[in-house]
Amino acid sequence: VQLQESGGGSVQSGGSLKLSCAASGGTIVGYSMGWFRQAPGKEREGVAIIDADGSTKYADSVTGRCAVSRDNAKNTLYLEMNSLKREDTAIYYCAAEHGSFGSDDSWFPEPADFNYWGQGTQVTVSS
C-alpha cells in the first residue's frame, strides 16, 4: 500500500489543521493506521493511532486537541488538529501496518511497528 499525506501548511498558534492520508495500491481495511511527527533534531514520535479494530490512541502531548479518523470507503486517514502550539511544528507522516495492535492503552505503537509510510507533510505553527 502506498500512502500520500496532504493538508499541511502554516498556521498561527491556536489555529487548526486537518491532515489527510490517501492510500493506494490496496485497501486499508484490516490495517492499523497512525500519524507520527518529526521535528528538526528530534526522533520521530507517535501522535495518534487508529487500530484496524477502530480503537484509537493518542500521545499525551496531543490528547484533547487532536482527533484521528478513517474512511475505509475512501481509503483515507485523517488527523484533525486544534489549538495548535508552536511545539506541534514538525513533518507529519502517516503510517500503516496490517493487523491490529490491540486496545491496551498502556502501550503506544512505535515507528518500527509500521512497515508502510508516506513521505510527510510539513506543519508549521507560528506565534
Protein backbone atom coordinates (compact mmCIF):
# COMPACT_ATOMS: atom_id res chain seq x y z
CA VAL A 1 0.00 0.00 0.00
CA GLN A 2 1.24 3.50 -0.88
CA LEU A 3 0.46 6.48 1.34
CA GLN A 4 0.30 10.18 0.46
CA GLU A 5 -0.23 12.90 3.04
CA SER A 6 -1.78 16.31 2.36
CA GLY A 7 -3.20 19.23 4.28
CA GLY A 8 -0.10 20.55 5.96
CA GLY A 9 0.76 24.22 6.00
CA SER A 10 1.49 27.24 8.13
CA VAL A 11 -0.92 28.31 10.85
CA GLN A 12 -0.86 30.62 13.82
CA SER A 13 -0.82 29.35 17.36
CA GLY A 14 -4.32 28.37 18.42
CA GLY A 15 -5.34 27.54 14.88
CA SER A 16 -6.48 24.28 13.31
CA LEU A 17 -5.45 21.99 10.51
CA LYS A 18 -6.83 18.77 9.07
CA LEU A 19 -4.35 16.35 7.55
CA SER A 20 -5.34 13.63 5.13
CA CYS A 21 -3.54 10.48 4.07
CA ALA A 22 -4.74 8.82 0.90
CA ALA A 23 -3.86 5.17 0.41
CA SER A 24 -3.49 3.49 -2.95
CA GLY A 25 -2.48 0.09 -4.21
CA GLY A 26 -4.73 -1.71 -1.79
CA THR A 27 -7.45 -1.30 0.79
CA ILE A 28 -6.75 0.00 4.29
CA VAL A 29 -9.36 -2.37 5.69
CA GLY A 30 -7.56 -4.62 8.11
CA TYR A 31 -4.71 -2.15 8.59
CA SER A 32 -3.87 -0.18 11.69
CA MET A 33 -3.04 3.38 10.73
CA GLY A 34 -1.07 6.04 12.52
CA TRP A 35 0.17 9.59 12.47
CA PHE A 36 3.71 10.33 13.53
CA ARG A 37 5.73 13.53 13.50
CA GLN A 38 9.35 14.52 13.46
CA ALA A 39 10.69 17.92 14.42
CA PRO A 40 14.19 19.07 13.43
CA GLY A 41 16.81 17.35 15.56
CA LYS A 42 14.29 15.09 17.25
CA GLU A 43 13.24 11.48 16.86
CA ARG A 44 10.04 10.53 15.13
CA GLU A 45 7.23 10.29 17.66
CA GLY A 46 3.73 8.95 17.64
CA VAL A 47 0.78 11.32 17.56
CA ALA A 48 -2.33 9.22 17.06
CA ILE A 49 -3.21 5.67 16.13
CA ILE A 50 -6.43 4.22 14.81
CA ASP A 51 -6.35 0.49 15.00
CA ALA A 52 -7.77 -1.93 12.47
CA ASP A 53 -10.48 -2.60 15.07
CA GLY A 54 -11.34 1.13 15.20
CA SER A 55 -9.90 1.87 18.63
CA THR A 56 -7.79 4.99 18.98
CA LYS A 57 -4.76 6.03 20.97
CA TYR A 58 -3.25 9.49 21.39
CA ALA A 59 0.05 10.78 22.60
CA ASP A 60 -0.23 12.71 25.86
CA SER A 61 1.03 15.83 24.10
CA VAL A 62 -2.00 15.99 21.79
CA THR A 63 -4.76 14.39 23.86
CA GLY A 64 -7.82 16.60 23.79
CA ARG A 65 -6.54 18.61 20.82
CA CYS A 66 -6.46 16.01 18.04
CA ALA A 67 -8.85 13.54 16.52
CA VAL A 68 -7.84 10.67 14.27
CA SER A 69 -10.37 9.07 11.96
CA ARG A 70 -10.51 6.87 8.91
CA ASP A 71 -12.86 6.44 5.99
CA ASN A 72 -12.33 2.93 4.71
CA ALA A 73 -14.61 3.55 1.74
CA LYS A 74 -12.39 6.42 0.63
CA ASN A 75 -9.20 4.63 1.67
CA THR A 76 -8.22 7.71 3.64
CA LEU A 77 -6.89 8.51 7.09
CA TYR A 78 -7.42 11.89 8.75
CA LEU A 79 -5.94 13.87 11.61
CA GLU A 80 -7.80 16.93 12.83
CA MET A 81 -5.65 19.17 14.98
CA ASN A 82 -6.98 22.06 17.05
CA SER A 83 -5.44 24.56 19.46
CA LEU A 84 -2.13 24.14 17.69
CA LYS A 85 1.03 25.12 19.54
CA ARG A 86 4.50 26.06 18.29
CA GLU A 87 5.76 22.73 19.59
CA ASP A 88 3.45 20.96 17.15
CA THR A 89 5.71 22.17 14.34
CA ALA A 90 7.07 19.11 12.54
CA ILE A 91 6.83 16.95 9.48
CA TYR A 92 3.78 14.74 9.89
CA TYR A 93 3.84 11.23 8.48
CA CYS A 94 1.11 8.67 8.10
CA ALA A 95 1.88 5.01 8.51
CA ALA A 96 0.11 1.70 8.06
CA GLU A 97 0.59 -1.84 9.27
CA HIS A 98 -1.57 -4.85 8.56
CA GLY A 99 -3.38 -6.19 11.57
CA SER A 100 -4.45 -4.98 14.97
CA PHE A 101 -2.23 -3.72 17.76
CA GLY A 102 -4.96 -4.37 20.31
CA SER A 103 -6.64 -1.98 22.73
CA ASP A 104 -4.08 -1.94 25.54
CA ASP A 105 -3.94 1.74 26.47
CA SER A 106 -0.64 1.30 28.29
CA TRP A 107 1.19 0.74 25.02
CA PHE A 108 1.63 3.13 22.13
CA PRO A 109 2.94 1.67 18.87
CA GLU A 110 6.34 2.92 17.75
CA PRO A 111 7.56 3.80 14.25
CA ALA A 112 9.33 0.44 13.98
CA ASP A 113 5.95 -1.27 14.29
CA PHE A 114 4.84 0.13 10.91
CA ASN A 115 6.07 -1.02 7.51
CA TYR A 116 4.29 1.44 5.23
CA TRP A 117 4.98 5.17 5.29
CA GLY A 118 4.07 8.30 3.42
CA GLN A 119 6.58 11.00 2.53
CA GLY A 120 5.28 13.51 5.05
CA THR A 121 3.66 16.91 5.11
CA GLN A 122 5.07 19.97 6.88
CA VAL A 123 3.10 21.64 9.65
CA THR A 124 4.43 24.96 10.90
CA VAL A 125 2.85 26.77 13.83
CA SER A 126 3.89 30.34 14.48
CA SER A 127 3.11 32.56 17.43
